[in-house]
């Protein structure tokens, strides 16, 4: 499980596939945890999406990896001394997700989901007390894939004093979401929210 793709001749021997599985398990576990616990009047689908995205972000997962000592385990498995591993956020986050994937295969969903959510409780509380905006949450999500989002005004409606903007959020030529608002800033937030919801 603690094998980086660059250390093996076969990518299948690395933690990449387990991280992919763990990411999906973690997303469902956090959704299942948050949905019944947050007031429906205060936390609609957009707010739930934002809190979940922040709670399971790369930064959050890397913090848990450090608490669990996964960076040290990865260093021990490395074919050479790589002291920067414990400081590499994306690698630590992926190793944490790989751990979740491995636990899911070994123990099943329920115990894995409980353990994953419990390990992220400080990050969940922080997300609830200090929520980030949709654009930041989306960029954090895309950063895990080494992707960057762009926003473009697709249309403008109404007179200058009562203008409505329609904005699309894209990665390359792929449209992730669209939204509208009375200002470009609000429209971008709406587009980012739609993009985050499309990942659900």
N, C-alpha and C. Protein backbone atom coordinates (compact mmCIF):
# COMPACT_ATOMS: atom_id res chain seq x y z
N UNK A 1 0.81 -1.19 0.00
CA UNK A 1 0.00 0.00 0.00
C UNK A 1 0.85 1.26 0.00
N UNK A 2 2.06 1.19 0.59
CA UNK A 2 2.93 2.35 0.68
C UNK A 2 3.96 2.35 -0.43
N UNK A 3 3.51 2.16 -1.65
CA UNK A 3 4.39 2.15 -2.82
C UNK A 3 3.95 3.24 -3.79
N UNK A 4 4.83 4.19 -4.03
CA UNK A 4 4.55 5.24 -4.99
C UNK A 4 4.73 4.70 -6.40
N UNK A 5 3.97 5.24 -7.36
CA UNK A 5 4.02 4.75 -8.74
C UNK A 5 5.42 4.83 -9.33
N UNK A 6 6.20 5.80 -8.91
CA UNK A 6 7.55 5.98 -9.46
C UNK A 6 8.54 4.96 -8.91
N UNK A 7 8.13 4.20 -7.89
CA UNK A 7 9.04 3.24 -7.29
C UNK A 7 8.88 1.83 -7.87
N UNK A 8 7.91 1.63 -8.73
CA UNK A 8 7.61 0.29 -9.22
C UNK A 8 7.54 0.28 -10.75
N UNK A 9 7.95 -0.83 -11.32
CA UNK A 9 7.86 -0.97 -12.78
C UNK A 9 6.41 -1.13 -13.21
N UNK A 10 5.55 -1.61 -12.31
CA UNK A 10 4.13 -1.79 -12.62
C UNK A 10 3.31 -0.82 -11.77
N UNK A 11 2.57 0.07 -12.46
CA UNK A 11 1.76 1.06 -11.74
C UNK A 11 0.73 0.38 -10.84
N UNK A 12 0.33 -0.84 -11.22
CA UNK A 12 -0.70 -1.54 -10.43
C UNK A 12 -0.20 -1.87 -9.03
N UNK A 13 1.13 -1.86 -8.84
CA UNK A 13 1.69 -2.15 -7.52
C UNK A 13 1.68 -0.93 -6.61
N UNK A 14 1.32 0.23 -7.13
CA UNK A 14 1.33 1.44 -6.32
C UNK A 14 -0.01 1.62 -5.62
N UNK A 15 -0.09 2.68 -4.81
CA UNK A 15 -1.31 2.93 -4.06
C UNK A 15 -2.37 3.68 -4.86
N UNK A 16 -2.13 3.95 -6.12
CA UNK A 16 -3.04 4.77 -6.92
C UNK A 16 -4.46 4.24 -6.99
N UNK A 17 -4.62 2.95 -7.28
CA UNK A 17 -5.97 2.39 -7.41
C UNK A 17 -6.69 2.37 -6.07
N UNK A 18 -5.96 2.08 -5.00
CA UNK A 18 -6.56 2.10 -3.68
C UNK A 18 -7.00 3.51 -3.31
N UNK A 19 -6.23 4.52 -3.71
CA UNK A 19 -6.59 5.91 -3.43
C UNK A 19 -7.87 6.28 -4.17
N UNK A 20 -8.00 5.82 -5.40
CA UNK A 20 -9.21 6.06 -6.18
C UNK A 20 -10.43 5.48 -5.47
N UNK A 21 -10.29 4.26 -4.99
CA UNK A 21 -11.38 3.60 -4.27
C UNK A 21 -11.67 4.33 -2.97
N UNK A 22 -10.61 4.67 -2.24
CA UNK A 22 -10.78 5.33 -0.95
C UNK A 22 -11.43 6.68 -1.06
N UNK A 23 -11.15 7.41 -2.14
CA UNK A 23 -11.76 8.72 -2.36
C UNK A 23 -13.28 8.58 -2.47
N UNK A 24 -13.73 7.57 -3.19
CA UNK A 24 -15.17 7.34 -3.34
C UNK A 24 -15.81 6.93 -2.02
N UNK A 25 -15.16 6.04 -1.29
CA UNK A 25 -15.68 5.60 0.00
C UNK A 25 -15.76 6.77 0.96
N UNK A 26 -14.72 7.60 0.98
CA UNK A 26 -14.69 8.74 1.88
C UNK A 26 -15.79 9.74 1.55
N UNK A 27 -16.01 10.00 0.27
CA UNK A 27 -17.06 10.93 -0.12
C UNK A 27 -18.43 10.48 0.35
N UNK A 28 -18.73 9.20 0.17
CA UNK A 28 -20.02 8.66 0.60
C UNK A 28 -20.12 8.66 2.12
N UNK A 29 -19.04 8.29 2.78
CA UNK A 29 -19.05 8.26 4.25
C UNK A 29 -19.32 9.63 4.83
N UNK A 30 -18.68 10.66 4.27
CA UNK A 30 -18.87 12.01 4.79
C UNK A 30 -20.27 12.53 4.49
N UNK A 31 -20.78 12.21 3.30
CA UNK A 31 -22.14 12.60 2.96
C UNK A 31 -23.15 11.97 3.92
N UNK A 32 -22.99 10.69 4.18
CA UNK A 32 -23.87 9.97 5.08
C UNK A 32 -23.78 10.51 6.50
N UNK A 33 -22.60 10.97 6.87
CA UNK A 33 -22.40 11.54 8.21
C UNK A 33 -23.05 12.91 8.34
N UNK A 34 -22.87 13.77 7.33
CA UNK A 34 -23.33 15.15 7.42
C UNK A 34 -24.84 15.30 7.22
N UNK A 35 -25.39 14.51 6.30
CA UNK A 35 -26.78 14.72 5.89
C UNK A 35 -27.77 14.73 7.05
N UNK A 36 -27.78 13.72 7.92
CA UNK A 36 -28.79 13.74 8.99
C UNK A 36 -28.44 14.65 10.16
N UNK A 37 -27.22 15.15 10.22
CA UNK A 37 -26.77 15.90 11.38
C UNK A 37 -26.88 17.41 11.22
N UNK A 38 -26.99 17.88 9.99
CA UNK A 38 -27.04 19.32 9.76
C UNK A 38 -28.45 19.76 9.42
N UNK A 39 -28.89 20.83 10.07
CA UNK A 39 -30.25 21.33 9.93
C UNK A 39 -30.57 21.65 8.48
N UNK A 40 -31.69 21.13 7.99
CA UNK A 40 -32.04 21.29 6.58
C UNK A 40 -32.39 22.73 6.24
N UNK A 41 -32.82 23.53 7.22
CA UNK A 41 -33.13 24.92 6.95
C UNK A 41 -31.86 25.74 6.71
N UNK A 42 -30.81 25.40 7.44
CA UNK A 42 -29.56 26.15 7.34
C UNK A 42 -28.62 25.57 6.29
N UNK A 43 -28.67 24.24 6.12
CA UNK A 43 -27.74 23.58 5.22
C UNK A 43 -28.49 22.91 4.08
N UNK A 44 -28.66 23.66 2.99
CA UNK A 44 -29.25 23.11 1.78
C UNK A 44 -28.20 22.30 1.03
N UNK A 45 -28.54 21.82 -0.17
CA UNK A 45 -27.59 21.00 -0.93
C UNK A 45 -26.28 21.72 -1.24
N UNK A 46 -26.36 23.01 -1.51
CA UNK A 46 -25.14 23.75 -1.81
C UNK A 46 -24.22 23.84 -0.61
N UNK A 47 -24.79 24.13 0.57
CA UNK A 47 -23.99 24.24 1.78
C UNK A 47 -23.41 22.88 2.16
N UNK A 48 -24.21 21.83 2.02
CA UNK A 48 -23.72 20.48 2.31
C UNK A 48 -22.54 20.12 1.40
N UNK A 49 -22.67 20.48 0.13
CA UNK A 49 -21.60 20.20 -0.83
C UNK A 49 -20.32 20.92 -0.43
N UNK A 50 -20.48 22.18 -0.02
CA UNK A 50 -19.30 22.97 0.34
C UNK A 50 -18.63 22.41 1.59
N UNK A 51 -19.41 22.08 2.61
CA UNK A 51 -18.85 21.55 3.85
C UNK A 51 -18.15 20.22 3.59
N UNK A 52 -18.80 19.36 2.80
CA UNK A 52 -18.19 18.07 2.51
C UNK A 52 -16.88 18.23 1.74
N UNK A 53 -16.90 19.11 0.73
CA UNK A 53 -15.69 19.31 -0.08
C UNK A 53 -14.54 19.81 0.77
N UNK A 54 -14.83 20.70 1.71
CA UNK A 54 -13.78 21.22 2.58
C UNK A 54 -13.30 20.15 3.56
N UNK A 55 -14.24 19.37 4.09
CA UNK A 55 -13.89 18.36 5.10
C UNK A 55 -13.01 17.25 4.53
N UNK A 56 -13.21 16.91 3.25
CA UNK A 56 -12.43 15.81 2.65
C UNK A 56 -11.41 16.34 1.65
N UNK A 57 -11.06 17.61 1.77
CA UNK A 57 -10.12 18.22 0.84
C UNK A 57 -8.73 17.61 0.98
N UNK A 58 -7.89 17.92 0.02
CA UNK A 58 -6.52 17.44 0.05
C UNK A 58 -5.81 17.90 1.33
N UNK A 59 -6.04 19.16 1.71
CA UNK A 59 -5.41 19.69 2.92
C UNK A 59 -5.88 18.93 4.15
N UNK A 60 -7.19 18.64 4.22
CA UNK A 60 -7.73 17.91 5.36
C UNK A 60 -7.17 16.50 5.43
N UNK A 61 -7.18 15.81 4.30
CA UNK A 61 -6.69 14.43 4.28
C UNK A 61 -5.20 14.35 4.61
N UNK A 62 -4.44 15.33 4.17
CA UNK A 62 -3.01 15.32 4.47
C UNK A 62 -2.75 15.53 5.96
N UNK A 63 -3.60 16.34 6.61
CA UNK A 63 -3.46 16.54 8.05
C UNK A 63 -3.70 15.23 8.80
N UNK A 64 -4.71 14.49 8.39
CA UNK A 64 -4.99 13.20 9.03
C UNK A 64 -3.83 12.24 8.79
N UNK A 65 -3.30 12.26 7.57
CA UNK A 65 -2.16 11.38 7.25
C UNK A 65 -0.99 11.67 8.17
N UNK A 66 -0.75 12.94 8.44
CA UNK A 66 0.34 13.30 9.35
C UNK A 66 0.05 12.81 10.76
N UNK A 67 -1.18 12.98 11.21
CA UNK A 67 -1.54 12.53 12.56
C UNK A 67 -1.37 11.02 12.70
N UNK A 68 -1.64 10.30 11.62
CA UNK A 68 -1.53 8.84 11.65
C UNK A 68 -0.11 8.34 11.38
N UNK A 69 0.79 9.27 11.07
CA UNK A 69 2.17 8.87 10.79
C UNK A 69 2.36 8.20 9.45
N UNK A 70 1.46 8.46 8.50
CA UNK A 70 1.56 7.80 7.20
C UNK A 70 2.76 8.29 6.39
N UNK A 71 3.16 9.54 6.63
CA UNK A 71 4.34 10.04 5.93
C UNK A 71 5.58 9.26 6.30
N UNK A 72 5.72 8.95 7.59
CA UNK A 72 6.86 8.15 8.04
C UNK A 72 6.83 6.74 7.47
N UNK A 73 5.63 6.17 7.41
CA UNK A 73 5.50 4.83 6.83
C UNK A 73 5.90 4.84 5.36
N UNK A 74 5.52 5.88 4.67
CA UNK A 74 5.87 6.00 3.25
C UNK A 74 7.37 6.17 3.08
N UNK A 75 7.98 6.94 3.95
CA UNK A 75 9.43 7.12 3.89
C UNK A 75 10.16 5.81 4.13
N UNK A 76 9.64 5.02 5.05
CA UNK A 76 10.27 3.73 5.34
C UNK A 76 10.19 2.78 4.16
N UNK A 77 9.12 2.91 3.36
CA UNK A 77 8.95 2.04 2.20
C UNK A 77 9.70 2.55 0.98
N UNK A 78 10.17 3.80 1.03
CA UNK A 78 10.84 4.39 -0.13
C UNK A 78 12.18 3.72 -0.41
N UNK A 79 12.55 3.57 -1.69
CA UNK A 79 13.82 2.94 -2.03
C UNK A 79 15.02 3.82 -1.69
N UNK A 80 14.77 5.09 -1.38
CA UNK A 80 15.84 6.00 -1.00
C UNK A 80 15.27 7.02 -0.01
N UNK A 81 16.16 7.75 0.64
CA UNK A 81 15.72 8.72 1.63
C UNK A 81 15.06 9.91 0.95
N UNK A 82 13.77 10.10 1.24
CA UNK A 82 13.01 11.20 0.64
C UNK A 82 12.33 11.99 1.76
N UNK A 83 13.08 12.84 2.45
CA UNK A 83 12.53 13.54 3.61
C UNK A 83 11.38 14.48 3.28
N UNK A 84 11.23 14.88 2.04
CA UNK A 84 10.16 15.83 1.68
C UNK A 84 8.79 15.16 1.61
N UNK A 85 8.73 13.84 1.67
CA UNK A 85 7.44 13.16 1.54
C UNK A 85 6.46 13.61 2.61
N UNK A 86 6.94 13.80 3.81
CA UNK A 86 6.05 14.17 4.90
C UNK A 86 5.55 15.60 4.75
N UNK A 87 6.10 16.34 3.79
CA UNK A 87 5.68 17.71 3.56
C UNK A 87 4.87 17.84 2.26
N UNK A 88 4.72 16.76 1.53
CA UNK A 88 4.02 16.81 0.24
C UNK A 88 2.54 16.51 0.46
N UNK A 89 1.74 17.57 0.41
CA UNK A 89 0.32 17.46 0.76
C UNK A 89 -0.43 16.48 -0.12
N UNK A 90 -0.21 16.55 -1.43
CA UNK A 90 -0.97 15.70 -2.34
C UNK A 90 -0.65 14.22 -2.13
N UNK A 91 0.63 13.91 -1.90
CA UNK A 91 1.02 12.51 -1.68
C UNK A 91 0.43 11.99 -0.38
N UNK A 92 0.51 12.78 0.67
CA UNK A 92 -0.04 12.36 1.96
C UNK A 92 -1.55 12.13 1.85
N UNK A 93 -2.25 13.02 1.15
CA UNK A 93 -3.69 12.87 1.00
C UNK A 93 -4.02 11.58 0.25
N UNK A 94 -3.27 11.28 -0.79
CA UNK A 94 -3.53 10.06 -1.56
C UNK A 94 -3.24 8.81 -0.75
N UNK A 95 -2.21 8.85 0.07
CA UNK A 95 -1.90 7.68 0.91
C UNK A 95 -3.01 7.46 1.93
N UNK A 96 -3.55 8.55 2.48
CA UNK A 96 -4.68 8.41 3.40
C UNK A 96 -5.88 7.79 2.69
N UNK A 97 -6.16 8.25 1.48
CA UNK A 97 -7.26 7.68 0.71
C UNK A 97 -7.00 6.21 0.37
N UNK A 98 -5.74 5.88 0.10
CA UNK A 98 -5.38 4.49 -0.18
C UNK A 98 -5.62 3.62 1.05
N UNK A 99 -5.32 4.17 2.23
CA UNK A 99 -5.58 3.44 3.47
C UNK A 99 -7.07 3.16 3.62
N UNK A 100 -7.90 4.15 3.31
CA UNK A 100 -9.35 3.95 3.37
C UNK A 100 -9.77 2.87 2.38
N UNK A 101 -9.21 2.92 1.17
CA UNK A 101 -9.53 1.90 0.17
C UNK A 101 -9.15 0.51 0.63
N UNK A 102 -7.98 0.38 1.24
CA UNK A 102 -7.52 -0.92 1.73
C UNK A 102 -8.42 -1.42 2.86
N UNK A 103 -8.80 -0.52 3.76
CA UNK A 103 -9.69 -0.91 4.86
C UNK A 103 -11.06 -1.35 4.34
N UNK A 104 -11.53 -0.64 3.30
CA UNK A 104 -12.82 -1.01 2.71
C UNK A 104 -12.77 -2.43 2.14
N UNK A 105 -11.71 -2.76 1.44
CA UNK A 105 -11.58 -4.10 0.87
C UNK A 105 -11.45 -5.16 1.96
N UNK A 106 -10.82 -4.80 3.06
CA UNK A 106 -10.57 -5.76 4.13
C UNK A 106 -11.76 -5.92 5.08
N UNK A 107 -12.38 -4.77 5.46
CA UNK A 107 -13.39 -4.81 6.52
C UNK A 107 -14.79 -4.44 6.06
N UNK A 108 -14.94 -3.93 4.83
CA UNK A 108 -16.25 -3.54 4.36
C UNK A 108 -16.53 -2.07 4.61
N UNK A 109 -17.72 -1.63 4.20
CA UNK A 109 -18.02 -0.21 4.22
C UNK A 109 -18.25 0.36 5.62
N UNK A 110 -19.12 -0.23 6.40
CA UNK A 110 -19.55 0.37 7.66
C UNK A 110 -18.40 0.70 8.61
N UNK A 111 -17.55 -0.27 8.98
CA UNK A 111 -16.45 0.08 9.90
C UNK A 111 -15.45 1.05 9.29
N UNK A 112 -15.25 0.94 7.98
CA UNK A 112 -14.33 1.85 7.32
C UNK A 112 -14.88 3.27 7.32
N UNK A 113 -16.16 3.41 7.03
CA UNK A 113 -16.78 4.74 7.01
C UNK A 113 -16.72 5.38 8.39
N UNK A 114 -17.02 4.60 9.43
CA UNK A 114 -16.98 5.15 10.79
C UNK A 114 -15.58 5.64 11.14
N UNK A 115 -14.59 4.84 10.83
CA UNK A 115 -13.21 5.21 11.16
C UNK A 115 -12.75 6.42 10.36
N UNK A 116 -13.13 6.47 9.09
CA UNK A 116 -12.72 7.59 8.24
C UNK A 116 -13.32 8.90 8.73
N UNK A 117 -14.61 8.89 9.04
CA UNK A 117 -15.28 10.10 9.52
C UNK A 117 -14.72 10.51 10.87
N UNK A 118 -14.50 9.55 11.74
CA UNK A 118 -13.95 9.86 13.07
C UNK A 118 -12.57 10.50 12.95
N UNK A 119 -11.76 10.01 12.04
CA UNK A 119 -10.41 10.56 11.88
C UNK A 119 -10.43 11.99 11.37
N UNK A 120 -11.51 12.38 10.70
CA UNK A 120 -11.63 13.71 10.11
C UNK A 120 -12.49 14.67 10.94
N UNK A 121 -12.85 14.29 12.16
CA UNK A 121 -13.72 15.14 12.97
C UNK A 121 -13.18 16.55 13.20
N UNK A 122 -11.89 16.72 13.49
CA UNK A 122 -11.38 18.10 13.64
C UNK A 122 -11.56 18.92 12.36
N UNK A 123 -11.37 18.27 11.22
CA UNK A 123 -11.52 18.97 9.95
C UNK A 123 -12.99 19.29 9.65
N UNK A 124 -13.90 18.40 10.06
CA UNK A 124 -15.33 18.65 9.89
C UNK A 124 -15.75 19.85 10.73
N UNK A 125 -15.30 19.88 11.98
CA UNK A 125 -15.65 21.00 12.85
C UNK A 125 -15.08 22.31 12.31
N UNK A 126 -13.89 22.26 11.79
CA UNK A 126 -13.28 23.47 11.22
C UNK A 126 -14.08 23.94 10.00
N UNK A 127 -14.51 23.00 9.18
CA UNK A 127 -15.29 23.35 7.99
C UNK A 127 -16.62 23.99 8.38
N UNK A 128 -17.22 23.51 9.47
CA UNK A 128 -18.49 24.06 9.92
C UNK A 128 -18.32 25.46 10.51
N UNK A 129 -17.21 25.67 11.19
CA UNK A 129 -16.98 26.96 11.85
C UNK A 129 -16.34 27.98 10.92
N UNK A 130 -15.56 27.49 9.95
CA UNK A 130 -14.86 28.40 9.04
C UNK A 130 -15.03 27.91 7.60
N UNK A 131 -16.24 27.97 7.06
CA UNK A 131 -16.47 27.46 5.70
C UNK A 131 -15.76 28.32 4.65
N UNK A 132 -15.27 27.65 3.61
CA UNK A 132 -14.64 28.37 2.50
C UNK A 132 -15.71 28.61 1.44
N UNK A 133 -15.37 29.42 0.45
CA UNK A 133 -16.34 29.68 -0.61
C UNK A 133 -16.32 28.56 -1.64
N UNK A 134 -17.33 28.56 -2.51
CA UNK A 134 -17.47 27.49 -3.50
C UNK A 134 -16.29 27.45 -4.47
N UNK A 135 -15.81 28.61 -4.87
CA UNK A 135 -14.69 28.64 -5.82
C UNK A 135 -13.45 28.02 -5.20
N UNK A 136 -13.18 28.33 -3.94
CA UNK A 136 -12.02 27.75 -3.26
C UNK A 136 -12.19 26.24 -3.10
N UNK A 137 -13.40 25.82 -2.75
CA UNK A 137 -13.66 24.40 -2.57
C UNK A 137 -13.49 23.64 -3.88
N UNK A 138 -13.95 24.24 -4.98
CA UNK A 138 -13.81 23.59 -6.29
C UNK A 138 -12.36 23.50 -6.70
N UNK A 139 -11.60 24.58 -6.52
CA UNK A 139 -10.20 24.55 -6.91
C UNK A 139 -9.43 23.53 -6.08
N UNK A 140 -9.79 23.42 -4.80
CA UNK A 140 -9.15 22.42 -3.94
C UNK A 140 -9.43 21.01 -4.47
N UNK A 141 -10.66 20.78 -4.87
CA UNK A 141 -11.03 19.46 -5.41
C UNK A 141 -10.25 19.17 -6.69
N UNK A 142 -10.16 20.15 -7.57
CA UNK A 142 -9.47 19.95 -8.85
C UNK A 142 -7.97 19.84 -8.69
N UNK A 143 -7.43 20.49 -7.66
CA UNK A 143 -5.99 20.44 -7.45
C UNK A 143 -5.51 19.02 -7.21
N UNK A 144 -6.38 18.18 -6.69
CA UNK A 144 -6.03 16.78 -6.46
C UNK A 144 -5.80 16.05 -7.77
N UNK A 145 -6.34 16.60 -8.86
CA UNK A 145 -6.16 16.01 -10.18
C UNK A 145 -5.18 16.83 -11.03
N UNK A 146 -4.53 17.80 -10.39
CA UNK A 146 -3.61 18.70 -11.09
C UNK A 146 -4.33 19.47 -12.19
N UNK A 147 -5.58 19.87 -11.91
CA UNK A 147 -6.38 20.62 -12.87
C UNK A 147 -6.70 22.01 -12.31
N UNK A 148 -6.94 22.95 -13.20
CA UNK A 148 -7.27 24.32 -12.82
C UNK A 148 -8.56 24.73 -13.52
N UNK A 149 -9.43 25.39 -12.77
CA UNK A 149 -10.71 25.82 -13.32
C UNK A 149 -10.61 27.23 -13.89
N UNK A 150 -11.33 27.48 -14.97
CA UNK A 150 -11.44 28.81 -15.56
C UNK A 150 -12.91 29.21 -15.58
N UNK A 151 -13.17 30.50 -15.43
CA UNK A 151 -14.53 31.02 -15.46
C UNK A 151 -14.67 31.99 -16.63
N UNK A 152 -15.77 31.87 -17.35
CA UNK A 152 -16.01 32.74 -18.49
C UNK A 152 -17.47 33.15 -18.51
N UNK A 153 -17.71 34.42 -18.85
CA UNK A 153 -19.09 34.92 -18.98
C UNK A 153 -19.66 34.41 -20.29
N UNK A 154 -20.72 33.62 -20.19
CA UNK A 154 -21.35 33.05 -21.38
C UNK A 154 -22.43 33.96 -21.95
N UNK A 155 -23.06 34.76 -21.10
CA UNK A 155 -24.12 35.65 -21.56
C UNK A 155 -24.39 36.72 -20.51
N UNK A 156 -24.96 37.82 -20.97
CA UNK A 156 -25.39 38.90 -20.10
C UNK A 156 -26.82 39.29 -20.49
N UNK A 157 -27.66 39.48 -19.48
CA UNK A 157 -29.05 39.80 -19.75
C UNK A 157 -29.47 41.05 -18.97
N UNK A 158 -30.37 41.81 -19.56
CA UNK A 158 -30.95 42.95 -18.87
C UNK A 158 -30.19 44.24 -19.09
N UNK A 159 -30.79 45.35 -18.69
CA UNK A 159 -30.15 46.66 -18.84
C UNK A 159 -28.96 46.80 -17.90
N UNK A 160 -28.10 47.78 -18.14
CA UNK A 160 -26.89 47.95 -17.32
C UNK A 160 -27.17 48.06 -15.82
N UNK A 161 -28.29 48.67 -15.44
CA UNK A 161 -28.58 48.86 -14.02
C UNK A 161 -29.21 47.61 -13.39
N UNK A 162 -29.56 46.63 -14.18
CA UNK A 162 -30.19 45.41 -13.67
C UNK A 162 -29.68 44.21 -14.47
N UNK A 163 -28.38 44.07 -14.53
CA UNK A 163 -27.74 43.06 -15.37
C UNK A 163 -27.65 41.71 -14.65
N UNK A 164 -27.87 40.64 -15.38
CA UNK A 164 -27.67 39.29 -14.88
C UNK A 164 -26.61 38.61 -15.74
N UNK A 165 -25.64 37.99 -15.08
CA UNK A 165 -24.54 37.34 -15.78
C UNK A 165 -24.69 35.82 -15.71
N UNK A 166 -24.37 35.16 -16.80
CA UNK A 166 -24.29 33.71 -16.82
C UNK A 166 -22.84 33.32 -17.04
N UNK A 167 -22.33 32.50 -16.15
CA UNK A 167 -20.91 32.12 -16.17
C UNK A 167 -20.79 30.61 -16.23
N UNK A 168 -19.80 30.13 -16.97
CA UNK A 168 -19.50 28.70 -17.02
C UNK A 168 -18.13 28.46 -16.40
N UNK A 169 -18.02 27.36 -15.70
CA UNK A 169 -16.75 26.92 -15.11
C UNK A 169 -16.23 25.77 -15.96
N UNK A 170 -15.01 25.89 -16.44
CA UNK A 170 -14.47 24.88 -17.34
C UNK A 170 -13.07 24.45 -16.91
N UNK A 171 -12.73 23.22 -17.30
CA UNK A 171 -11.37 22.71 -17.21
C UNK A 171 -10.99 22.29 -18.61
N UNK A 172 -10.08 23.02 -19.22
CA UNK A 172 -9.77 22.78 -20.62
C UNK A 172 -11.00 23.08 -21.46
N UNK A 173 -11.45 22.10 -22.23
CA UNK A 173 -12.65 22.27 -23.04
C UNK A 173 -13.88 21.64 -22.39
N UNK A 174 -13.72 21.16 -21.17
CA UNK A 174 -14.82 20.46 -20.47
C UNK A 174 -15.55 21.43 -19.54
N UNK A 175 -16.86 21.54 -19.72
CA UNK A 175 -17.67 22.39 -18.85
C UNK A 175 -18.07 21.61 -17.61
N UNK A 176 -17.77 22.18 -16.44
CA UNK A 176 -18.09 21.52 -15.18
C UNK A 176 -19.42 21.99 -14.61
N UNK A 177 -19.75 23.24 -14.84
CA UNK A 177 -20.99 23.77 -14.28
C UNK A 177 -21.24 25.18 -14.78
N UNK A 178 -22.46 25.64 -14.61
CA UNK A 178 -22.82 27.00 -15.01
C UNK A 178 -23.71 27.61 -13.93
N UNK A 179 -23.71 28.94 -13.87
CA UNK A 179 -24.53 29.61 -12.88
C UNK A 179 -24.78 31.05 -13.27
N UNK A 180 -25.74 31.66 -12.63
CA UNK A 180 -26.08 33.05 -12.94
C UNK A 180 -26.13 33.87 -11.67
N UNK A 181 -25.96 35.18 -11.82
CA UNK A 181 -25.99 36.06 -10.67
C UNK A 181 -26.03 37.51 -11.10
N UNK A 182 -26.30 38.39 -10.16
CA UNK A 182 -26.40 39.81 -10.45
C UNK A 182 -25.03 40.47 -10.63
N UNK A 183 -23.99 39.75 -10.30
CA UNK A 183 -22.63 40.21 -10.55
C UNK A 183 -21.82 39.03 -11.07
N UNK A 184 -20.69 39.34 -11.71
CA UNK A 184 -19.84 38.26 -12.20
C UNK A 184 -19.36 37.38 -11.04
N UNK A 185 -19.05 38.01 -9.91
CA UNK A 185 -18.57 37.27 -8.75
C UNK A 185 -19.61 36.28 -8.26
N UNK A 186 -20.86 36.73 -8.15
CA UNK A 186 -21.92 35.83 -7.69
C UNK A 186 -22.19 34.72 -8.71
N UNK A 187 -22.09 35.05 -9.99
CA UNK A 187 -22.30 34.05 -11.03
C UNK A 187 -21.20 33.00 -11.00
N UNK A 188 -19.98 33.42 -10.74
CA UNK A 188 -18.87 32.47 -10.64
C UNK A 188 -19.07 31.53 -9.46
N UNK A 189 -19.53 32.09 -8.33
CA UNK A 189 -19.81 31.24 -7.17
C UNK A 189 -20.89 30.21 -7.50
N UNK A 190 -21.92 30.63 -8.22
CA UNK A 190 -23.00 29.72 -8.60
C UNK A 190 -22.48 28.63 -9.54
N UNK A 191 -21.60 29.00 -10.45
CA UNK A 191 -21.03 28.02 -11.38
C UNK A 191 -20.15 27.02 -10.63
N UNK A 192 -19.38 27.52 -9.67
CA UNK A 192 -18.52 26.63 -8.87
C UNK A 192 -19.37 25.68 -8.05
N UNK A 193 -20.47 26.19 -7.50
CA UNK A 193 -21.38 25.33 -6.73
C UNK A 193 -21.95 24.22 -7.61
N UNK A 194 -22.38 24.58 -8.82
CA UNK A 194 -22.93 23.58 -9.75
C UNK A 194 -21.87 22.54 -10.10
N UNK A 195 -20.64 22.99 -10.27
CA UNK A 195 -19.55 22.06 -10.59
C UNK A 195 -19.30 21.09 -9.45
N UNK A 196 -19.29 21.60 -8.23
CA UNK A 196 -19.10 20.72 -7.07
C UNK A 196 -20.21 19.70 -6.95
N UNK A 197 -21.44 20.14 -7.20
CA UNK A 197 -22.58 19.22 -7.10
C UNK A 197 -22.52 18.16 -8.19
N UNK A 198 -21.89 18.49 -9.32
CA UNK A 198 -21.80 17.50 -10.41
C UNK A 198 -20.87 16.36 -10.05
N UNK A 199 -19.97 16.58 -9.08
CA UNK A 199 -19.05 15.52 -8.65
C UNK A 199 -19.74 14.54 -7.71
N UNK A 200 -20.86 14.94 -7.14
CA UNK A 200 -21.52 14.12 -6.12
C UNK A 200 -22.03 12.80 -6.72
